[in-house]
N, C-alpha and C. Protein backbone atom coordinates (compact mmCIF):
# COMPACT_ATOMS: atom_id res chain seq x y z
N UNK A 1 -100.69 124.71 -206.10
CA UNK A 1 -101.13 125.40 -205.07
C UNK A 1 -100.95 124.72 -203.84
N UNK A 2 -100.41 125.51 -202.85
CA UNK A 2 -100.04 124.56 -201.49
C UNK A 2 -100.68 125.42 -200.38
N UNK A 3 -101.08 124.68 -199.34
CA UNK A 3 -101.52 125.48 -198.14
C UNK A 3 -100.92 124.75 -196.97
N UNK A 4 -100.74 125.52 -195.89
CA UNK A 4 -100.13 124.72 -194.77
C UNK A 4 -100.51 125.84 -193.41
N UNK A 5 -100.64 125.40 -192.38
CA UNK A 5 -100.67 126.14 -191.13
C UNK A 5 -99.31 126.31 -190.46
N UNK A 6 -98.70 127.47 -190.64
CA UNK A 6 -97.29 127.74 -190.28
C UNK A 6 -97.17 127.96 -188.84
N UNK A 7 -95.89 127.51 -188.17
CA UNK A 7 -95.60 127.89 -186.82
C UNK A 7 -95.14 129.41 -186.83
N UNK A 8 -95.08 129.94 -185.66
CA UNK A 8 -94.67 131.24 -185.46
C UNK A 8 -93.17 131.41 -185.93
N UNK A 9 -92.49 130.29 -185.65
CA UNK A 9 -91.02 130.18 -186.07
C UNK A 9 -90.89 130.26 -187.52
N UNK A 10 -91.84 129.52 -188.23
CA UNK A 10 -91.81 129.58 -189.74
C UNK A 10 -92.15 130.97 -190.28
N UNK A 11 -92.92 131.57 -189.75
CA UNK A 11 -93.49 132.97 -189.94
C UNK A 11 -92.28 133.82 -189.90
N UNK A 12 -91.55 133.80 -188.72
CA UNK A 12 -90.40 134.61 -188.43
C UNK A 12 -89.22 134.34 -189.43
N UNK A 13 -88.93 133.03 -189.85
CA UNK A 13 -88.01 132.77 -190.67
C UNK A 13 -88.07 133.28 -192.17
N UNK A 14 -89.46 133.28 -192.60
CA UNK A 14 -89.77 133.84 -193.73
C UNK A 14 -90.02 135.24 -193.78
N UNK A 15 -89.99 135.97 -192.63
CA UNK A 15 -89.98 137.44 -192.35
C UNK A 15 -91.52 138.06 -192.92
N UNK A 16 -92.57 137.22 -192.66
CA UNK A 16 -93.84 137.54 -193.07
C UNK A 16 -94.24 138.89 -192.74
N UNK A 17 -93.95 139.26 -191.40
CA UNK A 17 -94.51 140.64 -191.06
C UNK A 17 -93.94 141.85 -191.61
N UNK A 18 -92.73 141.54 -192.42
CA UNK A 18 -92.29 142.64 -193.17
C UNK A 18 -92.90 142.78 -194.44
N UNK A 19 -93.70 141.74 -195.00
CA UNK A 19 -94.24 141.84 -196.37
C UNK A 19 -95.25 142.67 -196.47
N UNK A 20 -95.55 143.15 -197.73
CA UNK A 20 -96.67 144.12 -197.99
C UNK A 20 -98.16 143.43 -197.64
N UNK A 21 -99.00 144.33 -197.43
CA UNK A 21 -100.37 143.80 -197.09
C UNK A 21 -101.21 144.22 -198.28
N UNK A 22 -102.16 143.28 -198.69
CA UNK A 22 -103.36 143.39 -199.74
C UNK A 22 -104.66 143.07 -199.05
N UNK A 23 -105.51 143.95 -199.46
CA UNK A 23 -106.89 143.74 -198.95
C UNK A 23 -107.97 143.71 -200.27
N UNK A 24 -109.15 142.84 -199.93
CA UNK A 24 -110.04 142.98 -201.16
C UNK A 24 -111.38 142.53 -200.50
N UNK A 25 -112.47 143.31 -201.03
CA UNK A 25 -113.76 142.89 -200.52
C UNK A 25 -114.32 141.56 -201.05
N UNK A 26 -115.34 141.26 -200.61
CA UNK A 26 -116.07 140.17 -201.10
C UNK A 26 -116.32 140.24 -202.46
N UNK A 27 -115.90 139.39 -203.46
CA UNK A 27 -115.86 139.59 -204.84
C UNK A 27 -115.40 138.24 -205.48
N UNK A 28 -115.66 137.97 -206.89
CA UNK A 28 -115.05 136.98 -207.60
C UNK A 28 -114.25 137.64 -208.85
N UNK A 29 -113.22 137.22 -209.18
CA UNK A 29 -112.27 137.67 -210.30
C UNK A 29 -111.36 136.81 -210.67
N UNK A 30 -111.02 136.89 -212.15
CA UNK A 30 -109.94 136.03 -212.63
C UNK A 30 -108.60 136.70 -212.40
N UNK A 31 -107.58 135.75 -212.16
CA UNK A 31 -106.27 136.26 -211.64
C UNK A 31 -105.27 135.31 -212.44
N UNK A 32 -104.14 135.92 -212.76
CA UNK A 32 -102.95 134.89 -213.39
C UNK A 32 -101.60 135.43 -212.42
N UNK A 33 -100.77 134.53 -212.55
CA UNK A 33 -99.64 134.69 -211.69
C UNK A 33 -98.39 134.73 -212.80
N UNK A 34 -97.65 135.85 -212.57
CA UNK A 34 -96.44 135.97 -213.45
C UNK A 34 -95.33 135.55 -212.74
N UNK A 35 -95.41 135.28 -211.35
CA UNK A 35 -94.35 134.95 -210.49
C UNK A 35 -95.07 134.16 -209.43
N UNK A 36 -94.21 133.38 -208.65
CA UNK A 36 -94.67 132.65 -207.55
C UNK A 36 -95.11 133.49 -206.47
N UNK A 37 -96.36 133.44 -205.83
CA UNK A 37 -96.75 134.09 -204.75
C UNK A 37 -96.93 133.31 -203.35
N UNK A 38 -96.42 133.75 -202.39
CA UNK A 38 -96.72 133.19 -201.12
C UNK A 38 -97.38 134.26 -200.36
N UNK A 39 -98.46 133.86 -199.53
CA UNK A 39 -99.18 134.67 -198.77
C UNK A 39 -99.62 134.01 -197.50
N UNK A 40 -99.79 135.01 -196.55
CA UNK A 40 -100.14 134.55 -195.06
C UNK A 40 -101.48 135.23 -194.84
N UNK A 41 -102.59 134.66 -194.83
CA UNK A 41 -103.92 135.16 -194.48
C UNK A 41 -104.16 135.72 -193.05
N UNK A 42 -104.39 136.99 -192.98
CA UNK A 42 -104.67 137.55 -191.59
C UNK A 42 -106.12 137.69 -191.43
N UNK A 43 -107.06 137.74 -192.40
CA UNK A 43 -108.51 137.82 -192.33
C UNK A 43 -109.06 137.16 -193.49
N UNK A 44 -110.24 136.80 -193.34
CA UNK A 44 -110.97 136.34 -194.51
C UNK A 44 -111.20 134.92 -194.72
N UNK A 45 -111.83 134.77 -195.91
CA UNK A 45 -112.18 133.27 -196.39
C UNK A 45 -112.23 133.33 -197.82
N UNK A 46 -111.28 132.44 -198.45
CA UNK A 46 -111.12 132.51 -200.01
C UNK A 46 -111.21 131.00 -200.52
N UNK A 47 -111.87 131.01 -201.71
CA UNK A 47 -111.78 129.61 -202.58
C UNK A 47 -111.14 130.19 -203.86
N UNK A 48 -109.83 129.37 -204.37
CA UNK A 48 -109.42 129.56 -205.54
C UNK A 48 -109.49 128.50 -206.49
N UNK A 49 -109.76 128.70 -207.71
CA UNK A 49 -109.98 127.49 -208.65
C UNK A 49 -108.98 127.61 -209.65
N UNK A 50 -108.21 126.45 -210.04
CA UNK A 50 -107.26 126.40 -211.07
C UNK A 50 -107.93 126.34 -212.20
N UNK A 51 -108.01 127.27 -213.38
CA UNK A 51 -108.61 127.16 -214.47
C UNK A 51 -108.38 125.96 -215.39
N UNK A 52 -107.01 125.36 -215.23
CA UNK A 52 -106.57 124.25 -216.18
C UNK A 52 -107.09 122.94 -215.60
N UNK A 53 -107.10 122.93 -214.34
CA UNK A 53 -107.43 121.48 -213.70
C UNK A 53 -108.71 121.36 -212.96
N UNK A 54 -109.26 122.57 -212.61
CA UNK A 54 -110.57 122.62 -211.91
C UNK A 54 -110.17 122.50 -210.37
N UNK A 55 -109.12 122.34 -210.05
CA UNK A 55 -108.69 122.09 -208.54
C UNK A 55 -109.13 123.25 -207.88
N UNK A 56 -109.68 122.95 -206.51
CA UNK A 56 -110.20 124.29 -205.72
C UNK A 56 -109.39 124.04 -204.52
N UNK A 57 -108.97 125.24 -203.97
CA UNK A 57 -108.27 125.32 -202.73
C UNK A 57 -109.03 126.27 -201.92
N UNK A 58 -109.38 125.97 -200.61
CA UNK A 58 -109.93 127.01 -199.64
C UNK A 58 -108.99 127.25 -198.74
N UNK A 59 -109.10 128.57 -198.20
CA UNK A 59 -108.08 128.95 -197.22
C UNK A 59 -108.67 130.06 -196.45
N UNK A 60 -108.15 130.27 -195.29
CA UNK A 60 -108.64 131.30 -194.39
C UNK A 60 -107.56 131.93 -193.32
N UNK A 61 -107.88 132.53 -192.41
CA UNK A 61 -107.08 133.25 -191.39
C UNK A 61 -106.06 132.03 -190.93
N UNK A 62 -104.90 132.52 -190.82
CA UNK A 62 -103.81 131.53 -190.24
C UNK A 62 -103.10 130.70 -191.39
N UNK A 63 -103.59 130.68 -192.55
CA UNK A 63 -103.20 129.76 -193.55
C UNK A 63 -102.04 130.40 -194.32
N UNK A 64 -100.91 129.65 -194.56
CA UNK A 64 -99.77 130.13 -195.43
C UNK A 64 -100.04 129.37 -196.78
N UNK A 65 -100.24 130.20 -197.83
CA UNK A 65 -100.66 129.59 -199.17
C UNK A 65 -99.66 129.99 -200.27
N UNK A 66 -99.12 129.08 -201.14
CA UNK A 66 -98.47 129.59 -202.36
C UNK A 66 -99.11 129.05 -203.55
N UNK A 67 -98.92 130.07 -204.35
CA UNK A 67 -99.54 129.96 -205.79
C UNK A 67 -98.39 129.91 -206.88
N UNK A 68 -98.27 128.93 -207.75
CA UNK A 68 -97.17 128.79 -208.72
C UNK A 68 -97.10 129.77 -209.77
N UNK A 69 -96.00 130.11 -210.18
CA UNK A 69 -95.87 130.95 -211.52
C UNK A 69 -96.56 130.28 -212.50
N UNK A 70 -97.46 131.16 -213.35
CA UNK A 70 -97.97 130.65 -214.43
C UNK A 70 -99.53 130.20 -214.14
N UNK A 71 -99.91 130.15 -212.97
CA UNK A 71 -101.19 129.89 -212.52
C UNK A 71 -102.43 130.82 -213.02
N UNK A 72 -103.35 130.13 -213.69
CA UNK A 72 -104.48 130.97 -214.07
C UNK A 72 -105.59 130.58 -213.35
N UNK A 73 -106.28 131.33 -212.56
CA UNK A 73 -107.40 130.96 -211.58
C UNK A 73 -108.32 131.83 -211.44
N UNK A 74 -109.50 131.58 -210.82
CA UNK A 74 -110.52 132.44 -210.32
C UNK A 74 -110.60 132.55 -208.84
N UNK A 75 -110.43 133.72 -208.28
CA UNK A 75 -110.56 134.00 -206.90
C UNK A 75 -112.11 134.26 -206.41
N UNK A 76 -112.59 133.59 -205.43
CA UNK A 76 -113.76 133.80 -204.95
C UNK A 76 -113.59 134.14 -203.55
N UNK A 77 -113.58 135.51 -203.22
CA UNK A 77 -113.52 135.91 -201.77
C UNK A 77 -114.70 135.98 -201.11
N UNK A 78 -114.87 135.07 -200.17
CA UNK A 78 -116.23 134.72 -199.80
C UNK A 78 -116.48 135.77 -198.28
N UNK A 79 -115.32 135.90 -197.74
CA UNK A 79 -115.33 137.12 -196.68
C UNK A 79 -114.05 137.93 -196.85
N UNK A 80 -114.08 139.16 -196.70
CA UNK A 80 -113.18 140.20 -197.00
C UNK A 80 -111.86 139.74 -196.56
N UNK A 81 -110.88 139.60 -197.53
CA UNK A 81 -109.52 139.23 -197.26
C UNK A 81 -108.47 140.23 -196.77
N UNK A 82 -107.65 139.83 -195.98
CA UNK A 82 -106.57 140.88 -195.66
C UNK A 82 -105.18 139.87 -195.65
N UNK A 83 -104.23 140.11 -196.28
CA UNK A 83 -103.07 139.14 -196.26
C UNK A 83 -101.72 140.01 -196.50
N UNK A 84 -100.72 139.24 -195.96
CA UNK A 84 -99.31 139.48 -196.18
C UNK A 84 -99.04 138.88 -197.49
N UNK A 85 -98.28 139.32 -198.45
CA UNK A 85 -97.83 138.64 -199.77
C UNK A 85 -96.31 139.05 -200.08
N UNK A 86 -95.71 138.06 -200.81
CA UNK A 86 -94.23 138.09 -201.23
C UNK A 86 -94.16 137.40 -202.47
N UNK A 87 -93.59 137.94 -203.52
CA UNK A 87 -93.32 137.33 -204.88
C UNK A 87 -91.89 136.74 -204.74
N UNK A 88 -91.74 135.61 -205.46
CA UNK A 88 -90.48 134.81 -205.54
C UNK A 88 -90.60 133.44 -205.02
N UNK A 89 -89.60 132.71 -205.33
CA UNK A 89 -89.61 131.40 -204.81
C UNK A 89 -89.17 131.12 -203.60
N UNK A 90 -90.05 131.10 -202.72
CA UNK A 90 -89.84 130.82 -201.17
C UNK A 90 -90.25 129.31 -200.91
N UNK A 91 -89.55 128.72 -200.04
CA UNK A 91 -89.71 127.34 -199.81
C UNK A 91 -90.66 127.30 -198.52
N UNK A 92 -91.85 126.60 -198.76
CA UNK A 92 -92.84 126.63 -197.59
C UNK A 92 -92.97 125.11 -197.18
């Protein structure tokens, strides 16, 4: 799992504004990734825990986050989330 605060230029280079949007209310759920996902958080506060290592990653509005293919994790949506997302191997 990777997180960074991107510049406007980086967001434009990735084409983030053209990505689909996903929203989720406050909740806790299991998730697994069959492909690498990159997402840009528009709203919300989330903590994701890697099931195999116990590593936790917290992120919020303005963060660019990448989840690796094969990751099994638990999403804890602390504040309702709205994000742009894209699947595939993007370099961030």
